[in-house]
Protein backbone atom coordinates (compact mmCIF):
# COMPACT_ATOMS: atom_id res chain seq x y z
CA MET A 1 106.08 65.50 131.98
CA LEU A 2 106.52 65.94 135.70
CA ASN A 3 105.99 69.32 137.30
CA LYS A 4 108.74 69.81 139.86
CA GLY A 5 107.32 73.12 141.12
CA PRO A 6 108.79 76.60 140.96
CA LEU A 7 112.57 76.88 141.00
CA VAL A 8 112.35 79.85 143.35
CA ASN A 9 109.54 80.32 145.79
CA ARG A 10 107.59 83.57 145.92
CA LYS A 11 109.26 84.83 149.14
CA THR A 12 112.78 84.32 147.74
CA PHE A 13 111.81 85.96 144.45
CA ILE A 14 110.47 89.06 146.25
CA LYS A 15 113.67 89.30 148.36
CA MET A 16 115.84 89.02 145.25
CA ALA A 17 113.76 91.64 143.42
CA ALA A 18 113.96 94.03 146.40
CA ILE A 19 117.73 93.62 146.63
CA SER A 20 118.06 94.26 142.87
CA VAL A 21 115.92 97.39 143.01
CA ALA A 22 117.81 98.67 146.06
CA SER A 23 121.14 97.99 144.34
CA VAL A 24 120.15 99.88 141.20
CA GLY A 25 118.74 102.72 143.31
CA PHE A 26 121.95 102.96 145.33
CA THR A 27 124.08 103.01 142.16
CA ILE A 28 122.00 105.82 140.66
CA TRP A 29 122.01 107.80 143.92
CA ASN A 30 125.79 107.38 144.29
CA SER A 31 126.46 108.56 140.73
CA LEU A 32 124.22 111.60 141.24
CA ILE A 33 126.04 112.51 144.46
CA ASN A 34 129.45 112.14 142.80
CA ARG A 35 128.31 114.24 139.82
CA GLN A 36 127.12 116.97 142.20
CA LYS A 37 130.50 116.96 143.96
CA GLN A 38 132.24 117.33 140.58
CA ILE A 39 130.01 120.28 139.69
CA GLU A 40 130.58 121.94 143.07
CA THR A 41 134.37 121.60 142.90
CA LYS A 42 134.61 122.45 139.21
CA HIS A 43 134.23 126.17 139.74
CA GLN A 44 136.21 126.64 142.93
CA ASP A 45 139.13 129.03 142.95
CA ARG A 46 142.20 128.61 145.09
CA LYS A 47 143.95 131.79 146.19
CA ILE A 48 147.58 132.01 147.28
CA HIS A 49 149.39 135.16 148.39
CA THR A 50 152.76 135.32 146.66
CA VAL A 51 154.22 137.67 149.26
CA LYS A 52 154.06 134.86 151.83
CA LEU A 53 155.35 132.29 149.35
CA SER A 54 159.06 131.56 149.44
CA PRO A 55 160.93 130.57 146.27
CA GLY A 56 160.94 126.83 145.72
CA ILE A 57 158.65 123.89 145.09
CA HIS A 58 155.37 123.79 146.98
CA LEU A 59 153.22 120.64 147.04
CA TYR A 60 149.50 121.25 147.52
CA ASP A 61 146.54 118.86 147.60
CA GLU A 62 145.47 119.78 144.06
CA PHE A 63 148.67 120.96 142.33
CA VAL A 64 152.40 121.69 142.49
CA LEU A 65 153.47 125.34 142.54
CA VAL A 66 157.02 126.28 141.60
CA LYS A 67 158.19 129.79 142.40
CA SER A 68 161.53 131.04 141.16
CA ASP A 69 162.95 134.55 141.11
CA GLU A 70 161.76 134.94 137.50
CA ALA A 71 158.42 133.15 137.35
CA ILE A 72 155.69 131.03 138.88
CA VAL A 73 154.59 127.77 137.25
CA ILE A 74 151.76 125.52 138.39
CA PHE A 75 151.45 121.87 137.40
CA SER A 76 148.91 119.14 138.01
CA ASN A 77 150.07 116.86 140.80
CA ARG A 78 148.79 113.78 138.96
CA CYS A 79 151.31 111.53 137.24
CA THR A 80 150.66 111.29 133.51
CA HIS A 81 151.31 107.55 133.58
CA ALA A 82 148.57 106.27 135.90
CA GLY A 83 147.22 109.37 137.65
CA CYS A 84 148.89 108.75 141.00
CA LEU A 85 149.33 111.67 143.38
CA ILE A 86 152.79 113.21 143.20
CA ASN A 87 153.62 114.07 146.78
CA CYS A 88 157.40 114.10 146.93
CA GLU A 89 160.16 116.38 145.67
CA ILE A 90 163.87 115.64 145.87
CA ASN A 91 166.59 117.86 144.40
CA GLY A 92 164.27 119.64 141.99
CA GLU A 93 162.56 116.47 140.80
CA LEU A 94 158.93 115.53 141.39
CA LEU A 95 158.57 111.83 142.14
CA CYS A 96 155.59 109.58 141.55
CA PRO A 97 155.41 107.04 144.37
CA CYS A 98 153.44 104.46 142.36
CA HIS A 99 155.75 103.52 139.49
CA GLY A 100 158.82 105.74 139.90
CA SER A 101 158.26 108.37 137.22
CA ARG A 102 160.34 111.50 137.78
CA TYR A 103 159.64 114.99 136.45
CA ASN A 104 161.68 118.16 136.26
CA ALA A 105 159.94 120.46 138.76
CA LEU A 106 160.72 123.63 136.77
CA THR A 107 159.47 122.38 133.39
CA GLY A 108 157.25 119.40 134.18
CA HIS A 109 159.13 117.31 131.61
CA VAL A 110 159.68 113.60 132.20
CA ILE A 111 163.15 112.69 133.45
CA GLN A 112 162.43 109.00 133.97
CA GLY A 113 159.43 106.87 132.95
CA PRO A 114 157.22 104.96 132.74
CA ALA A 115 155.42 108.30 132.22
CA ARG A 116 155.90 109.66 128.71
CA LEU A 117 153.97 112.92 128.83
CA PRO A 118 154.97 116.01 130.83
CA LEU A 119 152.91 117.23 133.74
CA GLN A 120 149.93 119.31 132.72
CA LYS A 121 150.33 123.03 133.34
CA ILE A 122 147.49 124.65 135.22
CA PRO A 123 146.56 128.19 134.16
CA PHE A 124 146.34 130.87 136.80
CA SER A 125 146.05 134.62 137.12
CA LEU A 126 148.13 136.98 139.23
CA ASP A 127 146.65 140.14 140.70
CA SER A 128 149.48 142.68 140.72
CA LYS A 129 147.76 144.82 143.36
CA THR A 130 147.07 142.12 145.95
CA HIS A 131 149.95 139.83 144.88
CA GLU A 132 147.46 136.99 144.87
CA ILE A 133 147.47 133.98 142.57
CA ARG A 134 144.05 132.67 141.59
CA ILE A 135 143.89 129.08 140.40
CA LYS A 136 140.75 127.48 139.00
CA ILE A 137 140.44 124.00 140.45
CA ARG A 138 138.61 121.52 138.24
């Protein structure tokens, strides 16, 4: 049997091993950083003064707030179909720009699919003394 020599020389093998170790290290480091960001943002509260808030539909980075004369409702601003950011409201309907789902802004119910589930309501508390809404952002 003929010996053709190593398929990969020692220098190439060491380079490949170093790249593999660096890649695994980067993946672990990145997941730890992302986990830390999730932990840090998990317990943040968002405060909104209702006195300054006019009746209507208010689009925020993390949620949709609907204030009527009777009540305040807060929904997730993520479409229940594919999780796209809902960033548009027309005539009392919240529109998903990705696939065209439409939701009733007052109830969160689906008006038009492909989404099938209503928007998730986000719990909040209202301080009657300061007229401040406190929302726990997850």
